[in-house]
Amino acid sequence: MTQVTTAAMRRRSQPWGKRLMVWARGGGITTFLFFVPLLFCFGYFAWWPILRSLQLALQKTNLVTEPTWVGLANFQRVLADPLLGTAVGNTVLFAVLAMAIGFPLPVLMATFMAEMRRTRQLASVLAYLPVIIPPVVAVLLWKQFYDPSANGLFNSALGAVGIGPLPFLQSGDTAMLSIVVMATWAGFGQATIIYLAALMSVPPELYEAAEVDGARVVRRFWHITLPQMRGIMLLMLLLQIIGTMQVFTEPFVMTGGGPVNRTTTVLMLIYNYAFQQGDYGKATALSLLLALVLCIVSAVYLRLTRSWSKS
């Protein structure tokens, strides 16, 4: 350690020109040449749109006519929109329901699949199969399943036990829950495979020792599986929070925001501002507000879970 520190101090004491020559001879120029295209592409396709959105948020524009500088007026108009509160409430409701249903399900599925020996690969393929289906195709398929008539798939099954028919997507009381169920089905396979990969990295000696001590599946899950997957579970929960707060495809295709705006989300409101009202400045302002909220939520979440994830 002392030798490394001494070598580093010796390099710092060398003239700048000599250090540059050492860097170039050590392959620094080649590394820089490989890095420049990557930096250019990332800056052009990632950072430039962000800077452009900051500019659009301060303008009134439809991207066709000459933009008008309005300052913070777009943010004021967004916050004054009476539909904003409804969209935020619907988005939060979707996020809460999706996490309550969709977060524990992949963990339980992965644990169950990890206990399999001969059929684990087949179960993995079947679990991941919904992810392969294009999102719009999956949404349209489930929209047919939710047919409110007695001939619909789900209503036919419920009718066999004397229930229904139910207006799954036509009623404000059931529309959001129906969308959450569909979104959970479409996305839980990916999380399940990630959790299963994490479980496969757990030392098998821990489970073998627990089995010798007579621990059953539930106790092994509580005392071994959950502690070993703590870090990946915290990361997946954060990603799910961010993903559910940006839900768009499912309510847009299945209900169009109805009935009576009961499934209108923040991203749908951004879509309405941009492509129905033609006010891209207002849409960009709401997008930046959503990004700011997600950044704050992520920072608070990481702060609250930092000590627990390391323990």
C-alpha atoms as a PDB file:
ATOM      1  CA  MET A   1       0.000   0.000   0.000  1.00  0.00           C
ATOM      2  CA  THR A   2       2.872   2.329   0.889  1.00  0.00           C
ATOM      3  CA  GLN A   3       4.672   1.547  -2.378  1.00  0.00           C
ATOM      4  CA  VAL A   4       1.537   2.334  -4.421  1.00  0.00           C
ATOM      5  CA  THR A   5       1.098   5.657  -2.595  1.00  0.00           C
ATOM      6  CA  THR A   6       4.751   6.561  -3.137  1.00  0.00           C
ATOM      7  CA  ALA A   7       4.513   5.750  -6.871  1.00  0.00           C
ATOM      8  CA  ALA A   8       1.394   7.892  -7.215  1.00  0.00           C
ATOM      9  CA  MET A   9       3.076  10.831  -5.470  1.00  0.00           C
ATOM     10  CA  ARG A  10       6.112  10.430  -7.726  1.00  0.00           C
ATOM     11  CA  ARG A  11       3.920  10.602 -10.838  1.00  0.00           C
ATOM     12  CA  ARG A  12       2.229  13.773  -9.598  1.00  0.00           C
ATOM     13  CA  SER A  13       5.595  15.438  -9.064  1.00  0.00           C
ATOM     14  CA  GLN A  14       6.604  14.865 -12.702  1.00  0.00           C
ATOM     15  CA  PRO A  15       6.214  17.694 -15.259  1.00  0.00           C
ATOM     16  CA  TRP A  16       2.910  17.868 -17.092  1.00  0.00           C
ATOM     17  CA  GLY A  17       4.500  17.206 -20.472  1.00  0.00           C
ATOM     18  CA  LYS A  18       6.257  14.079 -19.256  1.00  0.00           C
ATOM     19  CA  ARG A  19       3.061  12.735 -17.706  1.00  0.00           C
ATOM     20  CA  LEU A  20       1.288  13.345 -21.020  1.00  0.00           C
ATOM     21  CA  MET A  21       3.957  11.363 -22.878  1.00  0.00           C
ATOM     22  CA  VAL A  22       3.654   8.478 -20.416  1.00  0.00           C
ATOM     23  CA  TRP A  23      -0.138   8.556 -20.850  1.00  0.00           C
ATOM     24  CA  ALA A  24       0.168   8.494 -24.656  1.00  0.00           C
ATOM     25  CA  ARG A  25       2.694   5.654 -24.685  1.00  0.00           C
ATOM     26  CA  GLY A  26       0.475   3.656 -22.318  1.00  0.00           C
ATOM     27  CA  GLY A  27      -2.362   3.570 -24.860  1.00  0.00           C
ATOM     28  CA  GLY A  28      -4.129   6.739 -23.754  1.00  0.00           C
ATOM     29  CA  ILE A  29      -4.612   8.092 -27.297  1.00  0.00           C
ATOM     30  CA  THR A  30      -6.213   4.852 -28.493  1.00  0.00           C
ATOM     31  CA  THR A  31      -8.527   4.847 -25.487  1.00  0.00           C
ATOM     32  CA  PHE A  32      -9.467   8.462 -26.161  1.00  0.00           C
ATOM     33  CA  LEU A  33     -10.211   7.769 -29.842  1.00  0.00           C
ATOM     34  CA  PHE A  34     -12.508   4.913 -28.872  1.00  0.00           C
ATOM     35  CA  PHE A  35     -14.171   7.070 -26.213  1.00  0.00           C
ATOM     36  CA  VAL A  36     -14.918  10.126 -28.400  1.00  0.00           C
ATOM     37  CA  PRO A  37     -17.579   8.491 -30.651  1.00  0.00           C
ATOM     38  CA  LEU A  38     -19.273   7.015 -27.604  1.00  0.00           C
ATOM     39  CA  LEU A  39     -19.268  10.378 -25.863  1.00  0.00           C
ATOM     40  CA  PHE A  40     -20.621  12.088 -28.990  1.00  0.00           C
ATOM     41  CA  CYS A  41     -23.466   9.575 -29.453  1.00  0.00           C
ATOM     42  CA  PHE A  42     -24.411   9.644 -25.790  1.00  0.00           C
ATOM     43  CA  GLY A  43     -24.322  13.422 -25.670  1.00  0.00           C
ATOM     44  CA  TYR A  44     -26.329  13.849 -28.877  1.00  0.00           C
ATOM     45  CA  PHE A  45     -29.019  11.268 -28.168  1.00  0.00           C
ATOM     46  CA  ALA A  46     -29.224  11.599 -24.361  1.00  0.00           C
ATOM     47  CA  TRP A  47     -28.066  14.964 -23.048  1.00  0.00           C
ATOM     48  CA  TRP A  48     -29.060  17.139 -26.004  1.00  0.00           C
ATOM     49  CA  PRO A  49     -32.763  16.107 -25.827  1.00  0.00           C
ATOM     50  CA  ILE A  50     -32.707  16.951 -22.112  1.00  0.00           C
ATOM     51  CA  LEU A  51     -31.288  20.403 -22.809  1.00  0.00           C
ATOM     52  CA  ARG A  52     -33.760  20.834 -25.664  1.00  0.00           C
ATOM     53  CA  SER A  53     -36.648  19.912 -23.354  1.00  0.00           C
ATOM     54  CA  LEU A  54     -35.536  22.597 -20.896  1.00  0.00           C
ATOM     55  CA  GLN A  55     -35.793  25.098 -23.720  1.00  0.00           C
ATOM     56  CA  LEU A  56     -39.190  23.838 -24.919  1.00  0.00           C
ATOM     57  CA  ALA A  57     -40.616  24.017 -21.399  1.00  0.00           C
ATOM     58  CA  LEU A  58     -40.068  27.770 -21.444  1.00  0.00           C
ATOM     59  CA  GLN A  59     -41.715  28.283 -24.835  1.00  0.00           C
ATOM     60  CA  LYS A  60     -45.198  28.093 -26.275  1.00  0.00           C
ATOM     61  CA  THR A  61     -44.785  26.049 -29.433  1.00  0.00           C
ATOM     62  CA  ASN A  62     -46.432  23.433 -31.608  1.00  0.00           C
ATOM     63  CA  LEU A  63     -43.124  22.625 -33.380  1.00  0.00           C
ATOM     64  CA  VAL A  64     -44.491  24.120 -36.607  1.00  0.00           C
ATOM     65  CA  THR A  65     -44.885  27.867 -36.127  1.00  0.00           C
ATOM     66  CA  GLU A  66     -42.343  30.188 -34.579  1.00  0.00           C
ATOM     67  CA  PRO A  67     -42.092  29.524 -30.812  1.00  0.00           C
ATOM     68  CA  THR A  68     -42.965  32.208 -28.284  1.00  0.00           C
ATOM     69  CA  TRP A  69     -40.933  32.654 -25.110  1.00  0.00           C
ATOM     70  CA  VAL A  70     -43.275  32.413 -22.113  1.00  0.00           C
ATOM     71  CA  GLY A  71     -40.888  31.664 -19.260  1.00  0.00           C
ATOM     72  CA  LEU A  72     -42.517  29.735 -16.397  1.00  0.00           C
ATOM     73  CA  ALA A  73     -46.047  30.207 -17.752  1.00  0.00           C
ATOM     74  CA  ASN A  74     -46.189  26.597 -18.983  1.00  0.00           C
ATOM     75  CA  PHE A  75     -45.510  25.306 -15.473  1.00  0.00           C
ATOM     76  CA  GLN A  76     -48.194  27.605 -14.077  1.00  0.00           C
ATOM     77  CA  ARG A  77     -50.724  26.382 -16.641  1.00  0.00           C
ATOM     78  CA  VAL A  78     -49.888  22.758 -15.879  1.00  0.00           C
ATOM     79  CA  LEU A  79     -50.289  23.237 -12.135  1.00  0.00           C
ATOM     80  CA  ALA A  80     -53.571  25.090 -12.706  1.00  0.00           C
ATOM     81  CA  ASP A  81     -55.053  22.271 -14.799  1.00  0.00           C
ATOM     82  CA  PRO A  82     -57.863  20.643 -12.777  1.00  0.00           C
ATOM     83  CA  LEU A  83     -57.159  17.321 -14.494  1.00  0.00           C
ATOM     84  CA  LEU A  84     -53.604  17.209 -13.102  1.00  0.00           C
ATOM     85  CA  GLY A  85     -54.744  16.162  -9.633  1.00  0.00           C
ATOM     86  CA  THR A  86     -56.881  13.395 -11.115  1.00  0.00           C
ATOM     87  CA  ALA A  87     -53.992  12.137 -13.260  1.00  0.00           C
ATOM     88  CA  VAL A  88     -51.567  12.182 -10.328  1.00  0.00           C
ATOM     89  CA  GLY A  89     -54.044  10.348  -8.108  1.00  0.00           C
ATOM     90  CA  ASN A  90     -54.661   7.700 -10.764  1.00  0.00           C
ATOM     91  CA  THR A  91     -50.927   7.254 -11.338  1.00  0.00           C
ATOM     92  CA  VAL A  92     -50.247   6.842  -7.626  1.00  0.00           C
ATOM     93  CA  LEU A  93     -53.160   4.391  -7.330  1.00  0.00           C
ATOM     94  CA  PHE A  94     -51.791   2.338 -10.204  1.00  0.00           C
ATOM     95  CA  ALA A  95     -48.308   2.350  -8.668  1.00  0.00           C
ATOM     96  CA  VAL A  96     -49.587   1.234  -5.259  1.00  0.00           C
ATOM     97  CA  LEU A  97     -51.745  -1.552  -6.692  1.00  0.00           C
ATOM     98  CA  ALA A  98     -49.028  -2.686  -9.085  1.00  0.00           C
ATOM     99  CA  MET A  99     -46.449  -2.905  -6.295  1.00  0.00           C
ATOM    100  CA  ALA A 100     -48.853  -4.613  -3.908  1.00  0.00           C
ATOM    101  CA  ILE A 101     -49.611  -7.295  -6.502  1.00  0.00           C
ATOM    102  CA  GLY A 102     -46.616  -7.290  -8.819  1.00  0.00           C
ATOM    103  CA  PHE A 103     -43.715  -6.967  -6.373  1.00  0.00           C
ATOM    104  CA  PRO A 104     -44.161 -10.043  -4.133  1.00  0.00           C
ATOM    105  CA  LEU A 105     -45.426 -12.298  -6.940  1.00  0.00           C
ATOM    106  CA  PRO A 106     -42.091 -12.590  -8.839  1.00  0.00           C
ATOM    107  CA  VAL A 107     -40.238 -13.253  -5.568  1.00  0.00           C
ATOM    108  CA  LEU A 108     -42.597 -16.089  -4.684  1.00  0.00           C
ATOM    109  CA  MET A 109     -42.512 -17.472  -8.217  1.00  0.00           C
ATOM    110  CA  ALA A 110     -38.709 -17.421  -8.321  1.00  0.00           C
ATOM    111  CA  THR A 111     -38.531 -19.161  -4.945  1.00  0.00           C
ATOM    112  CA  PHE A 112     -40.945 -21.825  -6.114  1.00  0.00           C
ATOM    113  CA  MET A 113     -39.025 -22.349  -9.355  1.00  0.00           C
ATOM    114  CA  ALA A 114     -35.721 -22.571  -7.466  1.00  0.00           C
ATOM    115  CA  GLU A 115     -37.120 -25.590  -5.599  1.00  0.00           C
ATOM    116  CA  MET A 116     -37.675 -27.379  -8.901  1.00  0.00           C
ATOM    117  CA  ARG A 117     -35.045 -29.722 -10.227  1.00  0.00           C
ATOM    118  CA  ARG A 118     -36.112 -31.212 -13.545  1.00  0.00           C
ATOM    119  CA  THR A 119     -38.684 -28.691 -14.807  1.00  0.00           C
ATOM    120  CA  ARG A 120     -36.923 -25.429 -13.864  1.00  0.00           C
ATOM    121  CA  GLN A 121     -35.968 -24.545 -17.438  1.00  0.00           C
ATOM    122  CA  LEU A 122     -39.476 -25.195 -18.733  1.00  0.00           C
ATOM    123  CA  ALA A 123     -40.956 -23.102 -15.907  1.00  0.00           C
ATOM    124  CA  SER A 124     -38.520 -20.287 -16.749  1.00  0.00           C
ATOM    125  CA  VAL A 125     -39.606 -20.284 -20.388  1.00  0.00           C
ATOM    126  CA  LEU A 126     -43.297 -20.256 -19.453  1.00  0.00           C
ATOM    127  CA  ALA A 127     -42.772 -17.460 -16.921  1.00  0.00           C
ATOM    128  CA  TYR A 128     -40.905 -15.301 -19.437  1.00  0.00           C
ATOM    129  CA  LEU A 129     -43.292 -15.958 -22.308  1.00  0.00           C
ATOM    130  CA  PRO A 130     -45.601 -12.948 -21.612  1.00  0.00           C
ATOM    131  CA  VAL A 131     -42.597 -10.613 -21.865  1.00  0.00           C
ATOM    132  CA  ILE A 132     -41.952 -11.758 -25.442  1.00  0.00           C
ATOM    133  CA  ILE A 133     -45.441 -10.710 -26.587  1.00  0.00           C
ATOM    134  CA  PRO A 134     -45.426  -7.114 -27.922  1.00  0.00           C
ATOM    135  CA  PRO A 135     -47.045  -4.786 -25.349  1.00  0.00           C
ATOM    136  CA  VAL A 136     -49.806  -3.483 -27.624  1.00  0.00           C
ATOM    137  CA  VAL A 137     -50.680  -7.021 -28.742  1.00  0.00           C
ATOM    138  CA  ALA A 138     -50.872  -8.157 -25.125  1.00  0.00           C
ATOM    139  CA  VAL A 139     -53.073  -5.198 -24.173  1.00  0.00           C
ATOM    140  CA  LEU A 140     -55.468  -5.797 -27.078  1.00  0.00           C
ATOM    141  CA  LEU A 141     -55.602  -9.489 -26.178  1.00  0.00           C
ATOM    142  CA  TRP A 142     -56.559  -8.735 -22.592  1.00  0.00           C
ATOM    143  CA  LYS A 143     -59.045  -6.159 -23.779  1.00  0.00           C
ATOM    144  CA  GLN A 144     -60.858  -8.986 -25.509  1.00  0.00           C
ATOM    145  CA  PHE A 145     -60.637 -11.068 -22.344  1.00  0.00           C
ATOM    146  CA  TYR A 146     -62.316  -8.206 -20.458  1.00  0.00           C
ATOM    147  CA  ASP A 147     -65.286  -8.158 -22.848  1.00  0.00           C
ATOM    148  CA  PRO A 148     -68.213  -6.947 -20.679  1.00  0.00           C
ATOM    149  CA  SER A 149     -70.713  -9.225 -22.384  1.00  0.00           C
ATOM    150  CA  ALA A 150     -71.552 -12.668 -21.069  1.00  0.00           C
ATOM    151  CA  ASN A 151     -69.548 -14.168 -23.962  1.00  0.00           C
ATOM    152  CA  GLY A 152     -66.274 -12.626 -22.798  1.00  0.00           C
ATOM    153  CA  LEU A 153     -63.585 -15.033 -21.624  1.00  0.00           C
ATOM    154  CA  PHE A 154     -63.492 -13.893 -18.015  1.00  0.00           C
ATOM    155  CA  ASN A 155     -67.237 -13.343 -17.793  1.00  0.00           C
ATOM    156  CA  SER A 156     -67.831 -16.814 -19.227  1.00  0.00           C
ATOM    157  CA  ALA A 157     -65.624 -18.290 -16.502  1.00  0.00           C
ATOM    158  CA  LEU A 158     -67.371 -16.246 -13.826  1.00  0.00           C
ATOM    159  CA  GLY A 159     -70.757 -17.137 -15.242  1.00  0.00           C
ATOM    160  CA  ALA A 160     -69.948 -20.812 -14.717  1.00  0.00           C
ATOM    161  CA  VAL A 161     -69.956 -20.173 -10.952  1.00  0.00           C
ATOM    162  CA  GLY A 162     -72.914 -17.813 -11.006  1.00  0.00           C
ATOM    163  CA  ILE A 163     -71.043 -14.475 -11.067  1.00  0.00           C
ATOM    164  CA  GLY A 164     -71.259 -11.683 -13.582  1.00  0.00           C
ATOM    165  CA  PRO A 165     -71.147 -10.475 -16.183  1.00  0.00           C
ATOM    166  CA  LEU A 166     -68.852  -7.738 -14.848  1.00  0.00           C
ATOM    167  CA  PRO A 167     -67.935  -4.457 -16.628  1.00  0.00           C
ATOM    168  CA  PHE A 168     -64.202  -4.764 -16.021  1.00  0.00           C
ATOM    169  CA  LEU A 169     -63.049  -1.760 -18.065  1.00  0.00           C
ATOM    170  CA  GLN A 170     -66.351   0.090 -18.288  1.00  0.00           C
ATOM    171  CA  SER A 171     -66.718   0.694 -14.553  1.00  0.00           C
ATOM    172  CA  GLY A 172     -64.603   3.227 -12.714  1.00  0.00           C
ATOM    173  CA  ASP A 173     -64.490   0.937  -9.675  1.00  0.00           C
ATOM    174  CA  THR A 174     -62.827  -1.975 -11.512  1.00  0.00           C
ATOM    175  CA  ALA A 175     -61.048  -0.386 -14.491  1.00  0.00           C
ATOM    176  CA  MET A 176     -57.790   0.471 -12.718  1.00  0.00           C
ATOM    177  CA  LEU A 177     -57.551  -2.883 -10.956  1.00  0.00           C
ATOM    178  CA  SER A 178     -58.174  -4.660 -14.270  1.00  0.00           C
ATOM    179  CA  ILE A 179     -55.335  -2.707 -15.887  1.00  0.00           C
ATOM    180  CA  VAL A 180     -53.015  -3.527 -12.972  1.00  0.00           C
ATOM    181  CA  VAL A 181     -53.737  -7.255 -13.325  1.00  0.00           C
ATOM    182  CA  MET A 182     -52.932  -7.116 -17.018  1.00  0.00           C
ATOM    183  CA  ALA A 183     -49.708  -5.119 -16.455  1.00  0.00           C
ATOM    184  CA  THR A 184     -48.627  -7.543 -13.721  1.00  0.00           C
ATOM    185  CA  TRP A 185     -49.138 -10.518 -16.031  1.00  0.00           C
ATOM    186  CA  ALA A 186     -47.123  -8.821 -18.777  1.00  0.00           C
ATOM    187  CA  GLY A 187     -44.154  -7.832 -16.623  1.00  0.00           C
ATOM    188  CA  PHE A 188     -43.739 -10.287 -13.779  1.00  0.00           C
ATOM    189  CA  GLY A 189     -41.814 -12.810 -15.910  1.00  0.00           C
ATOM    190  CA  GLN A 190     -38.826 -10.526 -16.360  1.00  0.00           C
ATOM    191  CA  ALA A 191     -38.555  -9.853 -12.625  1.00  0.00           C
ATOM    192  CA  THR A 192     -38.998 -13.563 -11.922  1.00  0.00           C
ATOM    193  CA  ILE A 193     -36.006 -14.486 -14.105  1.00  0.00           C
ATOM    194  CA  ILE A 194     -33.864 -11.832 -12.399  1.00  0.00           C
ATOM    195  CA  TYR A 195     -34.808 -13.107  -8.941  1.00  0.00           C
ATOM    196  CA  LEU A 196     -34.224 -16.689 -10.049  1.00  0.00           C
ATOM    197  CA  ALA A 197     -30.725 -15.772 -11.255  1.00  0.00           C
ATOM    198  CA  ALA A 198     -30.053 -14.153  -7.884  1.00  0.00           C
ATOM    199  CA  LEU A 199     -31.262 -17.283  -6.098  1.00  0.00           C
ATOM    200  CA  MET A 200     -28.971 -19.466  -8.176  1.00  0.00           C
ATOM    201  CA  SER A 201     -26.006 -17.481  -6.846  1.00  0.00           C
ATOM    202  CA  VAL A 202     -26.904 -18.232  -3.212  1.00  0.00           C
ATOM    203  CA  PRO A 203     -24.458 -20.821  -1.781  1.00  0.00           C
ATOM    204  CA  PRO A 204     -26.303 -24.162  -1.728  1.00  0.00           C
ATOM    205  CA  GLU A 205     -24.557 -25.008   1.544  1.00  0.00           C
ATOM    206  CA  LEU A 206     -26.896 -22.598   3.326  1.00  0.00           C
ATOM    207  CA  TYR A 207     -29.983 -24.482   2.165  1.00  0.00           C
ATOM    208  CA  GLU A 208     -28.379 -27.847   2.836  1.00  0.00           C
ATOM    209  CA  ALA A 209     -27.538 -26.825   6.394  1.00  0.00           C
ATOM    210  CA  ALA A 210     -31.075 -25.540   6.882  1.00  0.00           C
ATOM    211  CA  GLU A 211     -32.539 -28.801   5.601  1.00  0.00           C
ATOM    212  CA  VAL A 212     -30.321 -30.776   7.984  1.00  0.00           C
ATOM    213  CA  ASP A 213     -31.655 -28.643  10.833  1.00  0.00           C
ATOM    214  CA  GLY A 214     -35.186 -29.487   9.735  1.00  0.00           C
ATOM    215  CA  ALA A 215     -36.114 -26.078   8.294  1.00  0.00           C
ATOM    216  CA  ARG A 216     -39.044 -26.226   5.897  1.00  0.00           C
ATOM    217  CA  VAL A 217     -39.573 -24.139   2.768  1.00  0.00           C
ATOM    218  CA  VAL A 218     -41.151 -21.192   4.593  1.00  0.00           C
ATOM    219  CA  ARG A 219     -38.348 -20.917   7.152  1.00  0.00           C
ATOM    220  CA  ARG A 220     -35.684 -21.279   4.456  1.00  0.00           C
ATOM    221  CA  PHE A 221     -37.404 -18.534   2.473  1.00  0.00           C
ATOM    222  CA  TRP A 222     -37.579 -16.182   5.474  1.00  0.00           C
ATOM    223  CA  HIS A 223     -34.121 -16.768   6.927  1.00  0.00           C
ATOM    224  CA  ILE A 224     -32.021 -17.480   3.814  1.00  0.00           C
ATOM    225  CA  THR A 225     -33.726 -16.396   0.591  1.00  0.00           C
ATOM    226  CA  LEU A 226     -34.908 -12.938   1.642  1.00  0.00           C
ATOM    227  CA  PRO A 227     -31.636 -11.881   3.333  1.00  0.00           C
ATOM    228  CA  GLN A 228     -29.587 -13.089   0.351  1.00  0.00           C
ATOM    229  CA  MET A 229     -31.784 -11.238  -2.158  1.00  0.00           C
ATOM    230  CA  ARG A 230     -32.082  -8.042  -0.135  1.00  0.00           C
ATOM    231  CA  GLY A 231     -29.955  -5.912  -2.458  1.00  0.00           C
ATOM    232  CA  ILE A 232     -31.593  -7.021  -5.701  1.00  0.00           C
ATOM    233  CA  MET A 233     -35.063  -6.675  -4.172  1.00  0.00           C
ATOM    234  CA  LEU A 234     -34.368  -3.076  -3.171  1.00  0.00           C
ATOM    235  CA  LEU A 235     -33.122  -2.278  -6.664  1.00  0.00           C
ATOM    236  CA  MET A 236     -36.098  -3.969  -8.336  1.00  0.00           C
ATOM    237  CA  LEU A 237     -38.518  -2.118  -6.066  1.00  0.00           C
ATOM    238  CA  LEU A 238     -36.998   1.215  -7.067  1.00  0.00           C
ATOM    239  CA  LEU A 239     -37.181   0.313 -10.756  1.00  0.00           C
ATOM    240  CA  GLN A 240     -40.799  -0.751 -10.312  1.00  0.00           C
ATOM    241  CA  ILE A 241     -41.671   2.521  -8.628  1.00  0.00           C
ATOM    242  CA  ILE A 242     -40.153   4.468 -11.520  1.00  0.00           C
ATOM    243  CA  GLY A 243     -41.800   2.220 -14.117  1.00  0.00           C
ATOM    244  CA  THR A 244     -45.279   2.299 -12.602  1.00  0.00           C
ATOM    245  CA  MET A 245     -45.191   6.077 -12.280  1.00  0.00           C
ATOM    246  CA  GLN A 246     -44.685   6.214 -16.060  1.00  0.00           C
ATOM    247  CA  VAL A 247     -47.519   3.893 -17.072  1.00  0.00           C
ATOM    248  CA  PHE A 248     -49.038   4.765 -20.433  1.00  0.00           C
ATOM    249  CA  THR A 249     -49.606   1.914 -22.885  1.00  0.00           C
ATOM    250  CA  GLU A 250     -52.066  -0.132 -20.822  1.00  0.00           C
ATOM    251  CA  PRO A 251     -54.577   2.615 -19.923  1.00  0.00           C
ATOM    252  CA  PHE A 252     -54.164   4.342 -23.280  1.00  0.00           C
ATOM    253  CA  VAL A 253     -55.022   1.256 -25.331  1.00  0.00           C
ATOM    254  CA  MET A 254     -57.495  -0.406 -22.965  1.00  0.00           C
ATOM    255  CA  THR A 255     -59.601   2.515 -21.741  1.00  0.00           C
ATOM    256  CA  GLY A 256     -58.291   5.704 -23.334  1.00  0.00           C
ATOM    257  CA  GLY A 257     -58.270   7.238 -19.858  1.00  0.00           C
ATOM    258  CA  GLY A 258     -61.915   6.457 -19.127  1.00  0.00           C
ATOM    259  CA  PRO A 259     -64.396   5.935 -17.790  1.00  0.00           C
ATOM    260  CA  VAL A 260     -64.717   9.610 -16.789  1.00  0.00           C
ATOM    261  CA  ASN A 261     -60.917  10.024 -16.491  1.00  0.00           C
ATOM    262  CA  ARG A 262     -60.687   7.285 -13.853  1.00  0.00           C
ATOM    263  CA  THR A 263     -57.639   5.772 -15.590  1.00  0.00           C
ATOM    264  CA  THR A 264     -56.024   8.934 -16.965  1.00  0.00           C
ATOM    265  CA  THR A 265     -52.366   8.951 -15.904  1.00  0.00           C
ATOM    266  CA  VAL A 266     -49.672  11.637 -15.950  1.00  0.00           C
ATOM    267  CA  LEU A 267     -48.118  10.309 -19.154  1.00  0.00           C
ATOM    268  CA  MET A 268     -51.516  10.251 -20.812  1.00  0.00           C
ATOM    269  CA  LEU A 269     -51.964  13.883 -19.811  1.00  0.00           C
ATOM    270  CA  ILE A 270     -48.594  14.671 -21.391  1.00  0.00           C
ATOM    271  CA  TYR A 271     -49.755  12.881 -24.538  1.00  0.00           C
ATOM    272  CA  ASN A 272     -52.981  14.912 -24.581  1.00  0.00           C
ATOM    273  CA  TYR A 273     -51.077  18.187 -24.208  1.00  0.00           C
ATOM    274  CA  ALA A 274     -48.693  17.336 -27.059  1.00  0.00           C
ATOM    275  CA  PHE A 275     -50.747  15.440 -29.638  1.00  0.00           C
ATOM    276  CA  GLN A 276     -54.320  16.525 -28.962  1.00  0.00           C
ATOM    277  CA  GLN A 277     -53.847  20.134 -27.916  1.00  0.00           C
ATOM    278  CA  GLY A 278     -50.623  20.649 -29.901  1.00  0.00           C
ATOM    279  CA  ASP A 279     -48.987  22.445 -26.963  1.00  0.00           C
ATOM    280  CA  TYR A 280     -45.535  20.887 -26.752  1.00  0.00           C
ATOM    281  CA  GLY A 281     -44.273  23.483 -24.311  1.00  0.00           C
ATOM    282  CA  LYS A 282     -46.934  22.525 -21.786  1.00  0.00           C
ATOM    283  CA  ALA A 283     -46.288  18.820 -22.373  1.00  0.00           C
ATOM    284  CA  THR A 284     -42.556  19.279 -21.854  1.00  0.00           C
ATOM    285  CA  ALA A 285     -43.156  21.251 -18.666  1.00  0.00           C
ATOM    286  CA  LEU A 286     -45.205  18.406 -17.200  1.00  0.00           C
ATOM    287  CA  SER A 287     -42.544  15.914 -18.326  1.00  0.00           C
ATOM    288  CA  LEU A 288     -39.883  17.845 -16.444  1.00  0.00           C
ATOM    289  CA  LEU A 289     -42.063  18.002 -13.349  1.00  0.00           C
ATOM    290  CA  LEU A 290     -42.540  14.234 -13.501  1.00  0.00           C
ATOM    291  CA  ALA A 291     -38.793  13.710 -13.935  1.00  0.00           C
ATOM    292  CA  LEU A 292     -38.107  15.982 -10.956  1.00  0.00           C
ATOM    293  CA  VAL A 293     -40.564  14.070  -8.773  1.00  0.00           C
ATOM    294  CA  LEU A 294     -39.012  10.735  -9.767  1.00  0.00           C
ATOM    295  CA  CYS A 295     -35.524  12.059  -8.993  1.00  0.00           C
ATOM    296  CA  ILE A 296     -36.654  13.203  -5.540  1.00  0.00           C
ATOM    297  CA  VAL A 297     -38.430   9.906  -4.853  1.00  0.00           C
ATOM    298  CA  SER A 298     -35.353   7.949  -5.958  1.00  0.00           C
ATOM    299  CA  ALA A 299     -33.011  10.044  -3.811  1.00  0.00           C
ATOM    300  CA  VAL A 300     -35.229   9.681  -0.734  1.00  0.00           C
ATOM    301  CA  TYR A 301     -35.635   5.956  -1.360  1.00  0.00           C
ATOM    302  CA  LEU A 302     -31.894   5.380  -1.709  1.00  0.00           C
ATOM    303  CA  ARG A 303     -31.280   7.422   1.420  1.00  0.00           C
ATOM    304  CA  LEU A 304     -33.794   5.488   3.483  1.00  0.00           C
ATOM    305  CA  THR A 305     -32.643   2.060   2.294  1.00  0.00           C
ATOM    306  CA  ARG A 306     -28.886   2.659   2.236  1.00  0.00           C
ATOM    307  CA  SER A 307     -28.169   1.300   5.691  1.00  0.00           C
ATOM    308  CA  TRP A 308     -30.635  -1.581   5.373  1.00  0.00           C
ATOM    309  CA  SER A 309     -29.186  -2.740   2.062  1.00  0.00           C
ATOM    310  CA  LYS A 310     -25.676  -2.877   3.528  1.00  0.00           C
ATOM    311  CA  SER A 311     -26.630  -4.640   6.762  1.00  0.00           C
END
